[in-house]
Amino acid sequence: MSSFDNATLLCKMALNYLRTAKDSFDKGIYDVSATNCQISAELPIKSTYLLLGVNFPQTYSIRKLLSGLAMAAGNYSEEIQRFIKEKRKELNLVSRFEVQYSLVDIDAE
């Protein structure tokens, strides 16, 4: 498969995870919904690495993925870095580890 095909596949998978997240949320299964939301956000970032012809880091951290992408993105580097700084708090909250393995009950908020 080409890099474009692989990137397209990751985006299709991201949409599936997003649909599953919505279904889980609607059923009140918030921990599963949050995990699937995180995955659905992670995959398009990884697909962008593929489109740039760069291997993505083996991490689930959206902030780390975006930081690496900023280094690989050339002209868009400053824009990505600005986004990371502006959304630092929110990006820290969106962590697959925090959702899957914490002993905190996840609710609709």
PDB file of N, CA and C in Angstrom:
ATOM      1  N   MET A   1       0.823  -1.192   0.000  1.00  0.00           N
ATOM      2  CA  MET A   1       0.000   0.000   0.000  1.00  0.00           C
ATOM      3  C   MET A   1       0.865   1.253   0.000  1.00  0.00           C
ATOM      4  N   SER A   2       0.388   2.282  -0.654  1.00  0.00           N
ATOM      5  CA  SER A   2       1.108   3.550  -0.680  1.00  0.00           C
ATOM      6  C   SER A   2       0.877   4.316   0.619  1.00  0.00           C
ATOM      7  N   SER A   3       1.684   5.348   0.820  1.00  0.00           N
ATOM      8  CA  SER A   3       1.498   6.196   1.997  1.00  0.00           C
ATOM      9  C   SER A   3       0.113   6.827   1.989  1.00  0.00           C
ATOM     10  N   PHE A   4      -0.366   7.217   0.809  1.00  0.00           N
ATOM     11  CA  PHE A   4      -1.694   7.807   0.698  1.00  0.00           C
ATOM     12  C   PHE A   4      -2.766   6.792   1.096  1.00  0.00           C
ATOM     13  N   ASP A   5      -2.632   5.560   0.614  1.00  0.00           N
ATOM     14  CA  ASP A   5      -3.598   4.508   0.959  1.00  0.00           C
ATOM     15  C   ASP A   5      -3.592   4.227   2.463  1.00  0.00           C
ATOM     16  N   ASN A   6      -2.408   4.168   3.044  1.00  0.00           N
ATOM     17  CA  ASN A   6      -2.304   3.931   4.485  1.00  0.00           C
ATOM     18  C   ASN A   6      -2.908   5.088   5.278  1.00  0.00           C
ATOM     19  N   ALA A   7      -2.653   6.310   4.832  1.00  0.00           N
ATOM     20  CA  ALA A   7      -3.215   7.479   5.506  1.00  0.00           C
ATOM     21  C   ALA A   7      -4.743   7.471   5.399  1.00  0.00           C
ATOM     22  N   THR A   8      -5.252   7.117   4.229  1.00  0.00           N
ATOM     23  CA  THR A   8      -6.699   7.031   4.033  1.00  0.00           C
ATOM     24  C   THR A   8      -7.309   5.977   4.945  1.00  0.00           C
ATOM     25  N   LEU A   9      -6.644   4.841   5.061  1.00  0.00           N
ATOM     26  CA  LEU A   9      -7.126   3.778   5.936  1.00  0.00           C
ATOM     27  C   LEU A   9      -7.194   4.255   7.387  1.00  0.00           C
ATOM     28  N   LEU A  10      -6.158   4.950   7.843  1.00  0.00           N
ATOM     29  CA  LEU A  10      -6.170   5.462   9.222  1.00  0.00           C
ATOM     30  C   LEU A  10      -7.324   6.438   9.430  1.00  0.00           C
ATOM     31  N   CYS A  11      -7.613   7.270   8.431  1.00  0.00           N
ATOM     32  CA  CYS A  11      -8.732   8.220   8.555  1.00  0.00           C
ATOM     33  C   CYS A  11     -10.072   7.492   8.598  1.00  0.00           C
ATOM     34  N   LYS A  12     -10.216   6.454   7.806  1.00  0.00           N
ATOM     35  CA  LYS A  12     -11.451   5.654   7.861  1.00  0.00           C
ATOM     36  C   LYS A  12     -11.604   4.997   9.227  1.00  0.00           C
ATOM     37  N   MET A  13     -10.502   4.490   9.756  1.00  0.00           N
ATOM     38  CA  MET A  13     -10.538   3.885  11.086  1.00  0.00           C
ATOM     39  C   MET A  13     -10.917   4.933  12.133  1.00  0.00           C
ATOM     40  N   ALA A  14     -10.387   6.144  11.982  1.00  0.00           N
ATOM     41  CA  ALA A  14     -10.697   7.224  12.923  1.00  0.00           C
ATOM     42  C   ALA A  14     -12.195   7.502  12.943  1.00  0.00           C
ATOM     43  N   LEU A  15     -12.818   7.518  11.774  1.00  0.00           N
ATOM     44  CA  LEU A  15     -14.265   7.735  11.712  1.00  0.00           C
ATOM     45  C   LEU A  15     -15.031   6.606  12.400  1.00  0.00           C
ATOM     46  N   ASN A  16     -14.552   5.378  12.248  1.00  0.00           N
ATOM     47  CA  ASN A  16     -15.198   4.250  12.931  1.00  0.00           C
ATOM     48  C   ASN A  16     -15.095   4.386  14.443  1.00  0.00           C
ATOM     49  N   TYR A  17     -13.912   4.789  14.926  1.00  0.00           N
ATOM     50  CA  TYR A  17     -13.753   4.995  16.368  1.00  0.00           C
ATOM     51  C   TYR A  17     -14.639   6.133  16.855  1.00  0.00           C
ATOM     52  N   LEU A  18     -14.781   7.180  16.046  1.00  0.00           N
ATOM     53  CA  LEU A  18     -15.635   8.298  16.423  1.00  0.00           C
ATOM     54  C   LEU A  18     -17.099   7.871  16.497  1.00  0.00           C
ATOM     55  N   ARG A  19     -17.540   7.071  15.533  1.00  0.00           N
ATOM     56  CA  ARG A  19     -18.919   6.557  15.565  1.00  0.00           C
ATOM     57  C   ARG A  19     -19.153   5.702  16.810  1.00  0.00           C
ATOM     58  N   THR A  20     -18.176   4.855  17.116  1.00  0.00           N
ATOM     59  CA  THR A  20     -18.274   4.004  18.304  1.00  0.00           C
ATOM     60  C   THR A  20     -18.292   4.855  19.573  1.00  0.00           C
ATOM     61  N   ALA A  21     -17.497   5.915  19.576  1.00  0.00           N
ATOM     62  CA  ALA A  21     -17.479   6.821  20.730  1.00  0.00           C
ATOM     63  C   ALA A  21     -18.853   7.454  20.932  1.00  0.00           C
ATOM     64  N   LYS A  22     -19.462   7.906  19.859  1.00  0.00           N
ATOM     65  CA  LYS A  22     -20.787   8.522  19.963  1.00  0.00           C
ATOM     66  C   LYS A  22     -21.817   7.506  20.448  1.00  0.00           C
ATOM     67  N   ASP A  23     -21.794   6.315  19.879  1.00  0.00           N
ATOM     68  CA  ASP A  23     -22.732   5.272  20.311  1.00  0.00           C
ATOM     69  C   ASP A  23     -22.544   4.942  21.787  1.00  0.00           C
ATOM     70  N   SER A  24     -21.294   4.810  22.221  1.00  0.00           N
ATOM     71  CA  SER A  24     -21.012   4.501  23.627  1.00  0.00           C
ATOM     72  C   SER A  24     -21.471   5.633  24.530  1.00  0.00           C
ATOM     73  N   PHE A  25     -21.236   6.864  24.103  1.00  0.00           N
ATOM     74  CA  PHE A  25     -21.665   8.017  24.905  1.00  0.00           C
ATOM     75  C   PHE A  25     -23.181   8.027  25.054  1.00  0.00           C
ATOM     76  N   ASP A  26     -23.871   7.803  23.943  1.00  0.00           N
ATOM     77  CA  ASP A  26     -25.333   7.787  23.979  1.00  0.00           C
ATOM     78  C   ASP A  26     -25.878   6.695  24.892  1.00  0.00           C
ATOM     79  N   LYS A  27     -25.112   5.631  25.076  1.00  0.00           N
ATOM     80  CA  LYS A  27     -25.528   4.525  25.947  1.00  0.00           C
ATOM     81  C   LYS A  27     -25.034   4.705  27.386  1.00  0.00           C
ATOM     82  N   GLY A  28     -24.325   5.819  27.648  1.00  0.00           N
ATOM     83  CA  GLY A  28     -23.836   6.084  29.000  1.00  0.00           C
ATOM     84  C   GLY A  28     -22.565   5.326  29.354  1.00  0.00           C
ATOM     85  N   ILE A  29     -21.874   4.796  28.362  1.00  0.00           N
ATOM     86  CA  ILE A  29     -20.620   4.069  28.608  1.00  0.00           C
ATOM     87  C   ILE A  29     -19.476   5.057  28.348  1.00  0.00           C
ATOM     88  N   TYR A  30     -19.255   5.927  29.303  1.00  0.00           N
ATOM     89  CA  TYR A  30     -18.394   7.088  29.092  1.00  0.00           C
ATOM     90  C   TYR A  30     -16.908   6.762  29.004  1.00  0.00           C
ATOM     91  N   ASP A  31     -16.444   5.759  29.742  1.00  0.00           N
ATOM     92  CA  ASP A  31     -15.021   5.424  29.664  1.00  0.00           C
ATOM     93  C   ASP A  31     -14.671   4.883  28.281  1.00  0.00           C
ATOM     94  N   VAL A  32     -15.523   4.051  27.728  1.00  0.00           N
ATOM     95  CA  VAL A  32     -15.294   3.514  26.380  1.00  0.00           C
ATOM     96  C   VAL A  32     -15.402   4.635  25.356  1.00  0.00           C
ATOM     97  N   SER A  33     -16.358   5.517  25.547  1.00  0.00           N
ATOM     98  CA  SER A  33     -16.523   6.655  24.647  1.00  0.00           C
ATOM     99  C   SER A  33     -15.274   7.533  24.646  1.00  0.00           C
ATOM    100  N   ALA A  34     -14.760   7.850  25.828  1.00  0.00           N
ATOM    101  CA  ALA A  34     -13.575   8.709  25.935  1.00  0.00           C
ATOM    102  C   ALA A  34     -12.360   8.064  25.282  1.00  0.00           C
ATOM    103  N   THR A  35     -12.177   6.768  25.494  1.00  0.00           N
ATOM    104  CA  THR A  35     -11.052   6.064  24.880  1.00  0.00           C
ATOM    105  C   THR A  35     -11.162   6.104  23.357  1.00  0.00           C
ATOM    106  N   ASN A  36     -12.353   5.856  22.853  1.00  0.00           N
ATOM    107  CA  ASN A  36     -12.542   5.867  21.404  1.00  0.00           C
ATOM    108  C   ASN A  36     -12.401   7.267  20.824  1.00  0.00           C
ATOM    109  N   CYS A  37     -12.792   8.285  21.562  1.00  0.00           N
ATOM    110  CA  CYS A  37     -12.568   9.666  21.117  1.00  0.00           C
ATOM    111  C   CYS A  37     -11.076   9.955  20.988  1.00  0.00           C
ATOM    112  N   GLN A  38     -10.315   9.518  21.976  1.00  0.00           N
ATOM    113  CA  GLN A  38      -8.875   9.760  21.943  1.00  0.00           C
ATOM    114  C   GLN A  38      -8.254   9.081  20.729  1.00  0.00           C
ATOM    115  N   ILE A  39      -8.647   7.841  20.473  1.00  0.00           N
ATOM    116  CA  ILE A  39      -8.112   7.111  19.326  1.00  0.00           C
ATOM    117  C   ILE A  39      -8.531   7.800  18.028  1.00  0.00           C
ATOM    118  N   SER A  40      -9.772   8.270  17.974  1.00  0.00           N
ATOM    119  CA  SER A  40     -10.248   8.918  16.744  1.00  0.00           C
ATOM    120  C   SER A  40      -9.515  10.235  16.492  1.00  0.00           C
ATOM    121  N   ALA A  41      -8.987  10.862  17.518  1.00  0.00           N
ATOM    122  CA  ALA A  41      -8.188  12.078  17.340  1.00  0.00           C
ATOM    123  C   ALA A  41      -6.744  11.753  16.967  1.00  0.00           C
ATOM    124  N   GLU A  42      -6.252  10.662  17.489  1.00  0.00           N
ATOM    125  CA  GLU A  42      -4.860  10.244  17.269  1.00  0.00           C
ATOM    126  C   GLU A  42      -4.605   9.818  15.816  1.00  0.00           C
ATOM    127  N   LEU A  43      -5.517   9.068  15.239  1.00  0.00           N
ATOM    128  CA  LEU A  43      -5.277   8.469  13.931  1.00  0.00           C
ATOM    129  C   LEU A  43      -5.129   9.479  12.788  1.00  0.00           C
ATOM    130  N   PRO A  44      -5.922  10.539  12.710  1.00  0.00           N
ATOM    131  CA  PRO A  44      -5.685  11.505  11.632  1.00  0.00           C
ATOM    132  C   PRO A  44      -4.323  12.206  11.747  1.00  0.00           C
ATOM    133  N   ILE A  45      -3.864  12.400  12.970  1.00  0.00           N
ATOM    134  CA  ILE A  45      -2.535  12.994  13.148  1.00  0.00           C
ATOM    135  C   ILE A  45      -1.481  12.042  12.586  1.00  0.00           C
ATOM    136  N   LYS A  46      -1.618  10.757  12.914  1.00  0.00           N
ATOM    137  CA  LYS A  46      -0.678   9.765  12.393  1.00  0.00           C
ATOM    138  C   LYS A  46      -0.775   9.667  10.872  1.00  0.00           C
ATOM    139  N   SER A  47      -1.971   9.833  10.328  1.00  0.00           N
ATOM    140  CA  SER A  47      -2.113   9.778   8.864  1.00  0.00           C
ATOM    141  C   SER A  47      -1.386  10.957   8.213  1.00  0.00           C
ATOM    142  N   THR A  48      -1.352  12.097   8.892  1.00  0.00           N
ATOM    143  CA  THR A  48      -0.639  13.257   8.357  1.00  0.00           C
ATOM    144  C   THR A  48       0.855  12.978   8.271  1.00  0.00           C
ATOM    145  N   TYR A  49       1.401  12.304   9.265  1.00  0.00           N
ATOM    146  CA  TYR A  49       2.810  11.884   9.191  1.00  0.00           C
ATOM    147  C   TYR A  49       3.044  11.065   7.923  1.00  0.00           C
ATOM    148  N   LEU A  50       2.148  10.114   7.667  1.00  0.00           N
ATOM    149  CA  LEU A  50       2.306   9.258   6.491  1.00  0.00           C
ATOM    150  C   LEU A  50       2.258  10.072   5.209  1.00  0.00           C
ATOM    151  N   LEU A  51       1.359  11.039   5.142  1.00  0.00           N
ATOM    152  CA  LEU A  51       1.263  11.882   3.950  1.00  0.00           C
ATOM    153  C   LEU A  51       2.522  12.721   3.745  1.00  0.00           C
ATOM    154  N   LEU A  52       3.180  13.066   4.845  1.00  0.00           N
ATOM    155  CA  LEU A  52       4.439  13.810   4.764  1.00  0.00           C
ATOM    156  C   LEU A  52       5.630  12.900   4.482  1.00  0.00           C
ATOM    157  N   GLY A  53       5.383  11.585   4.475  1.00  0.00           N
ATOM    158  CA  GLY A  53       6.468  10.628   4.230  1.00  0.00           C
ATOM    159  C   GLY A  53       7.363  10.422   5.425  1.00  0.00           C
ATOM    160  N   VAL A  54       6.824  10.627   6.613  1.00  0.00           N
ATOM    161  CA  VAL A  54       7.586  10.523   7.853  1.00  0.00           C
ATOM    162  C   VAL A  54       6.952   9.447   8.725  1.00  0.00           C
ATOM    163  N   ASN A  55       7.777   8.648   9.380  1.00  0.00           N
ATOM    164  CA  ASN A  55       7.247   7.658  10.324  1.00  0.00           C
ATOM    165  C   ASN A  55       6.755   8.373  11.574  1.00  0.00           C
ATOM    166  N   PHE A  56       5.569   8.000  12.029  1.00  0.00           N
ATOM    167  CA  PHE A  56       5.046   8.631  13.232  1.00  0.00           C
ATOM    168  C   PHE A  56       5.607   7.949  14.464  1.00  0.00           C
ATOM    169  N   PRO A  57       5.746   8.709  15.562  1.00  0.00           N
ATOM    170  CA  PRO A  57       6.258   8.120  16.804  1.00  0.00           C
ATOM    171  C   PRO A  57       5.256   7.114  17.364  1.00  0.00           C
ATOM    172  N   GLN A  58       5.760   6.090  17.999  1.00  0.00           N
ATOM    173  CA  GLN A  58       4.913   5.061  18.605  1.00  0.00           C
ATOM    174  C   GLN A  58       4.475   5.538  19.977  1.00  0.00           C
ATOM    175  N   THR A  59       3.487   6.412  19.964  1.00  0.00           N
ATOM    176  CA  THR A  59       2.940   6.962  21.200  1.00  0.00           C
ATOM    177  C   THR A  59       1.444   7.153  21.023  1.00  0.00           C
ATOM    178  N   TYR A  60       0.733   7.180  22.138  1.00  0.00           N
ATOM    179  CA  TYR A  60      -0.692   7.459  22.118  1.00  0.00           C
ATOM    180  C   TYR A  60      -0.963   8.894  22.554  1.00  0.00           C
ATOM    181  N   SER A  61       0.061   9.618  22.907  1.00  0.00           N
ATOM    182  CA  SER A  61      -0.077  10.983  23.392  1.00  0.00           C
ATOM    183  C   SER A  61      -0.322  11.927  22.221  1.00  0.00           C
ATOM    184  N   ILE A  62      -1.484  12.557  22.208  1.00  0.00           N
ATOM    185  CA  ILE A  62      -1.799  13.489  21.133  1.00  0.00           C
ATOM    186  C   ILE A  62      -0.835  14.669  21.167  1.00  0.00           C
ATOM    187  N   ARG A  63      -0.502  15.126  22.359  1.00  0.00           N
ATOM    188  CA  ARG A  63       0.435  16.252  22.464  1.00  0.00           C
ATOM    189  C   ARG A  63       1.805  15.892  21.888  1.00  0.00           C
ATOM    190  N   LYS A  64       2.297  14.696  22.194  1.00  0.00           N
ATOM    191  CA  LYS A  64       3.588  14.270  21.643  1.00  0.00           C
ATOM    192  C   LYS A  64       3.507  14.081  20.135  1.00  0.00           C
ATOM    193  N   LEU A  65       2.384  13.538  19.654  1.00  0.00           N
ATOM    194  CA  LEU A  65       2.206  13.377  18.215  1.00  0.00           C
ATOM    195  C   LEU A  65       2.206  14.732  17.513  1.00  0.00           C
ATOM    196  N   LEU A  66       1.513  15.703  18.085  1.00  0.00           N
ATOM    197  CA  LEU A  66       1.477  17.029  17.489  1.00  0.00           C
ATOM    198  C   LEU A  66       2.838  17.713  17.547  1.00  0.00           C
ATOM    199  N   SER A  67       3.564  17.524  18.641  1.00  0.00           N
ATOM    200  CA  SER A  67       4.898  18.119  18.762  1.00  0.00           C
ATOM    201  C   SER A  67       5.837  17.577  17.689  1.00  0.00           C
ATOM    202  N   GLY A  68       5.788  16.264  17.488  1.00  0.00           N
ATOM    203  CA  GLY A  68       6.609  15.665  16.434  1.00  0.00           C
ATOM    204  C   GLY A  68       6.177  16.119  15.064  1.00  0.00           C
ATOM    205  N   LEU A  69       4.880  16.255  14.876  1.00  0.00           N
ATOM    206  CA  LEU A  69       4.357  16.714  13.592  1.00  0.00           C
ATOM    207  C   LEU A  69       4.814  18.140  13.305  1.00  0.00           C
ATOM    208  N   ALA A  70       4.862  18.964  14.336  1.00  0.00           N
ATOM    209  CA  ALA A  70       5.329  20.345  14.165  1.00  0.00           C
ATOM    210  C   ALA A  70       6.752  20.365  13.617  1.00  0.00           C
ATOM    211  N   MET A  71       7.585  19.439  14.069  1.00  0.00           N
ATOM    212  CA  MET A  71       8.959  19.381  13.576  1.00  0.00           C
ATOM    213  C   MET A  71       9.022  18.925  12.124  1.00  0.00           C
ATOM    214  N   ALA A  72       8.066  18.084  11.724  1.00  0.00           N
ATOM    215  CA  ALA A  72       8.085  17.534  10.366  1.00  0.00           C
ATOM    216  C   ALA A  72       7.292  18.360   9.365  1.00  0.00           C
ATOM    217  N   ALA A  73       6.508  19.324   9.846  1.00  0.00           N
ATOM    218  CA  ALA A  73       5.526  19.991   8.996  1.00  0.00           C
ATOM    219  C   ALA A  73       6.032  21.213   8.239  1.00  0.00           C
ATOM    220  N   GLY A  74       7.262  21.568   8.401  1.00  0.00           N
ATOM    221  CA  GLY A  74       7.804  22.688   7.629  1.00  0.00           C
ATOM    222  C   GLY A  74       7.053  23.987   7.856  1.00  0.00           C
ATOM    223  N   ASN A  75       6.366  24.467   6.821  1.00  0.00           N
ATOM    224  CA  ASN A  75       5.682  25.765   6.861  1.00  0.00           C
ATOM    225  C   ASN A  75       4.602  25.851   7.922  1.00  0.00           C
ATOM    226  N   TYR A  76       4.057  24.736   8.342  1.00  0.00           N
ATOM    227  CA  TYR A  76       2.968  24.736   9.322  1.00  0.00           C
ATOM    228  C   TYR A  76       3.460  24.547  10.754  1.00  0.00           C
ATOM    229  N   SER A  77       4.749  24.455  10.909  1.00  0.00           N
ATOM    230  CA  SER A  77       5.355  24.184  12.207  1.00  0.00           C
ATOM    231  C   SER A  77       4.914  25.177  13.285  1.00  0.00           C
ATOM    232  N   GLU A  78       5.001  26.461  12.993  1.00  0.00           N
ATOM    233  CA  GLU A  78       4.657  27.481  13.986  1.00  0.00           C
ATOM    234  C   GLU A  78       3.178  27.434  14.358  1.00  0.00           C
ATOM    235  N   GLU A  79       2.334  27.172  13.382  1.00  0.00           N
ATOM    236  CA  GLU A  79       0.893  27.097  13.643  1.00  0.00           C
ATOM    237  C   GLU A  79       0.566  25.921  14.570  1.00  0.00           C
ATOM    238  N   ILE A  80       1.201  24.774  14.337  1.00  0.00           N
ATOM    239  CA  ILE A  80       0.978  23.603  15.182  1.00  0.00           C
ATOM    240  C   ILE A  80       1.497  23.864  16.592  1.00  0.00           C
ATOM    241  N   GLN A  81       2.683  24.464  16.691  1.00  0.00           N
ATOM    242  CA  GLN A  81       3.248  24.771  18.008  1.00  0.00           C
ATOM    243  C   GLN A  81       2.365  25.749  18.781  1.00  0.00           C
ATOM    244  N   ARG A  82       1.801  26.724  18.100  1.00  0.00           N
ATOM    245  CA  ARG A  82       0.909  27.684  18.740  1.00  0.00           C
ATOM    246  C   ARG A  82      -0.350  26.966  19.250  1.00  0.00           C
ATOM    247  N   PHE A  83      -0.889  26.057  18.447  1.00  0.00           N
ATOM    248  CA  PHE A  83      -2.060  25.283  18.854  1.00  0.00           C
ATOM    249  C   PHE A  83      -1.755  24.470  20.110  1.00  0.00           C
ATOM    250  N   ILE A  84      -0.601  23.826  20.141  1.00  0.00           N
ATOM    251  CA  ILE A  84      -0.207  23.014  21.301  1.00  0.00           C
ATOM    252  C   ILE A  84      -0.130  23.884  22.550  1.00  0.00           C
ATOM    253  N   LYS A  85       0.460  25.066  22.439  1.00  0.00           N
ATOM    254  CA  LYS A  85       0.577  25.960  23.596  1.00  0.00           C
ATOM    255  C   LYS A  85      -0.788  26.446  24.061  1.00  0.00           C
ATOM    256  N   GLU A  86      -1.641  26.812  23.101  1.00  0.00           N
ATOM    257  CA  GLU A  86      -2.959  27.320  23.461  1.00  0.00           C
ATOM    258  C   GLU A  86      -3.842  26.246  24.083  1.00  0.00           C
ATOM    259  N   LYS A  87      -3.673  25.012  23.664  1.00  0.00           N
ATOM    260  CA  LYS A  87      -4.545  23.915  24.104  1.00  0.00           C
ATOM    261  C   LYS A  87      -3.842  22.937  25.043  1.00  0.00           C
ATOM    262  N   ARG A  88      -2.759  23.368  25.647  1.00  0.00           N
ATOM    263  CA  ARG A  88      -1.952  22.481  26.496  1.00  0.00           C
ATOM    264  C   ARG A  88      -2.798  21.763  27.553  1.00  0.00           C
ATOM    265  N   LYS A  89      -3.634  22.513  28.258  1.00  0.00           N
ATOM    266  CA  LYS A  89      -4.451  21.920  29.325  1.00  0.00           C
ATOM    267  C   LYS A  89      -5.394  20.858  28.762  1.00  0.00           C
ATOM    268  N   GLU A  90      -6.077  21.185  27.675  1.00  0.00           N
ATOM    269  CA  GLU A  90      -7.018  20.252  27.069  1.00  0.00           C
ATOM    270  C   GLU A  90      -6.312  19.016  26.526  1.00  0.00           C
ATOM    271  N   LEU A  91      -5.144  19.219  25.921  1.00  0.00           N
ATOM    272  CA  LEU A  91      -4.398  18.087  25.367  1.00  0.00           C
ATOM    273  C   LEU A  91      -3.908  17.153  26.462  1.00  0.00           C
ATOM    274  N   ASN A  92      -3.590  17.697  27.617  1.00  0.00           N
ATOM    275  CA  ASN A  92      -3.171  16.848  28.732  1.00  0.00           C
ATOM    276  C   ASN A  92      -4.326  16.007  29.257  1.00  0.00           C
ATOM    277  N   LEU A  93      -5.539  16.528  29.145  1.00  0.00           N
ATOM    278  CA  LEU A  93      -6.712  15.781  29.604  1.00  0.00           C
ATOM    279  C   LEU A  93      -7.078  14.640  28.669  1.00  0.00           C
ATOM    280  N   VAL A  94      -6.715  14.780  27.405  1.00  0.00           N
ATOM    281  CA  VAL A  94      -7.055  13.770  26.400  1.00  0.00           C
ATOM    282  C   VAL A  94      -5.918  12.755  26.357  1.00  0.00           C
ATOM    283  N   SER A  95      -5.981  11.805  27.234  1.00  0.00           N
ATOM    284  CA  SER A  95      -4.933  10.801  27.340  1.00  0.00           C
ATOM    285  C   SER A  95      -5.562   9.428  27.443  1.00  0.00           C
ATOM    286  N   ARG A  96      -5.173   8.563  26.532  1.00  0.00           N
ATOM    287  CA  ARG A  96      -5.725   7.207  26.564  1.00  0.00           C
ATOM    288  C   ARG A  96      -5.371   6.524  27.880  1.00  0.00           C
ATOM    289  N   PHE A  97      -4.170   6.736  28.367  1.00  0.00           N
ATOM    290  CA  PHE A  97      -3.760   6.119  29.624  1.00  0.00           C
ATOM    291  C   PHE A  97      -4.662   6.581  30.764  1.00  0.00           C
ATOM    292  N   GLU A  98      -4.923   7.894  30.820  1.00  0.00           N
ATOM    293  CA  GLU A  98      -5.751   8.437  31.896  1.00  0.00           C
ATOM    294  C   GLU A  98      -7.151   7.840  31.880  1.00  0.00           C
ATOM    295  N   VAL A  99      -7.684   7.603  30.700  1.00  0.00           N
ATOM    296  CA  VAL A  99      -9.040   7.088  30.589  1.00  0.00           C
ATOM    297  C   VAL A  99      -9.084   5.592  30.850  1.00  0.00           C
ATOM    298  N   GLN A 100      -8.178   4.858  30.227  1.00  0.00           N
ATOM    299  CA  GLN A 100      -8.233   3.396  30.309  1.00  0.00           C
ATOM    300  C   GLN A 100      -7.790   2.840  31.650  1.00  0.00           C
ATOM    301  N   TYR A 101      -6.816   3.472  32.270  1.00  0.00           N
ATOM    302  CA  TYR A 101      -6.191   2.833  33.420  1.00  0.00           C
ATOM    303  C   TYR A 101      -6.351   3.592  34.736  1.00  0.00           C
ATOM    304  N   SER A 102      -7.024   4.724  34.706  1.00  0.00           N
ATOM    305  CA  SER A 102      -7.167   5.453  35.967  1.00  0.00           C
ATOM    306  C   SER A 102      -8.325   4.853  36.764  1.00  0.00           C
ATOM    307  N   LEU A 103      -8.319   5.145  38.028  1.00  0.00           N
ATOM    308  CA  LEU A 103      -9.378   4.656  38.912  1.00  0.00           C
ATOM    309  C   LEU A 103     -10.427   5.741  39.131  1.00  0.00           C
ATOM    310  N   VAL A 104     -10.562   6.625  38.166  1.00  0.00           N
ATOM    311  CA  VAL A 104     -11.542   7.682  38.221  1.00  0.00           C
ATOM    312  C   VAL A 104     -12.737   7.266  37.367  1.00  0.00           C
ATOM    313  N   ASP A 105     -13.932   7.436  37.933  1.00  0.00           N
ATOM    314  CA  ASP A 105     -15.135   7.125  37.195  1.00  0.00           C
ATOM    315  C   ASP A 105     -15.387   8.232  36.167  1.00  0.00           C
ATOM    316  N   ILE A 106     -15.448   7.875  34.916  1.00  0.00           N
ATOM    317  CA  ILE A 106     -15.650   8.834  33.829  1.00  0.00           C
ATOM    318  C   ILE A 106     -17.153   9.097  33.694  1.00  0.00           C
ATOM    319  N   ASP A 107     -17.506  10.385  33.647  1.00  0.00           N
ATOM    320  CA  ASP A 107     -18.917  10.732  33.478  1.00  0.00           C
ATOM    321  C   ASP A 107     -19.112  11.536  32.193  1.00  0.00           C
ATOM    322  N   ALA A 108     -20.306  11.997  31.975  1.00  0.00           N
ATOM    323  CA  ALA A 108     -20.642  12.699  30.732  1.00  0.00           C
ATOM    324  C   ALA A 108     -19.865  14.003  30.561  1.00  0.00           C
ATOM    325  N   GLU A 109     -19.463  14.634  31.650  1.00  0.00           N
ATOM    326  CA  GLU A 109     -18.707  15.883  31.547  1.00  0.00           C
ATOM    327  C   GLU A 109     -17.338  15.633  30.997  1.00  0.00           C
TER     328      GLU A 109
END
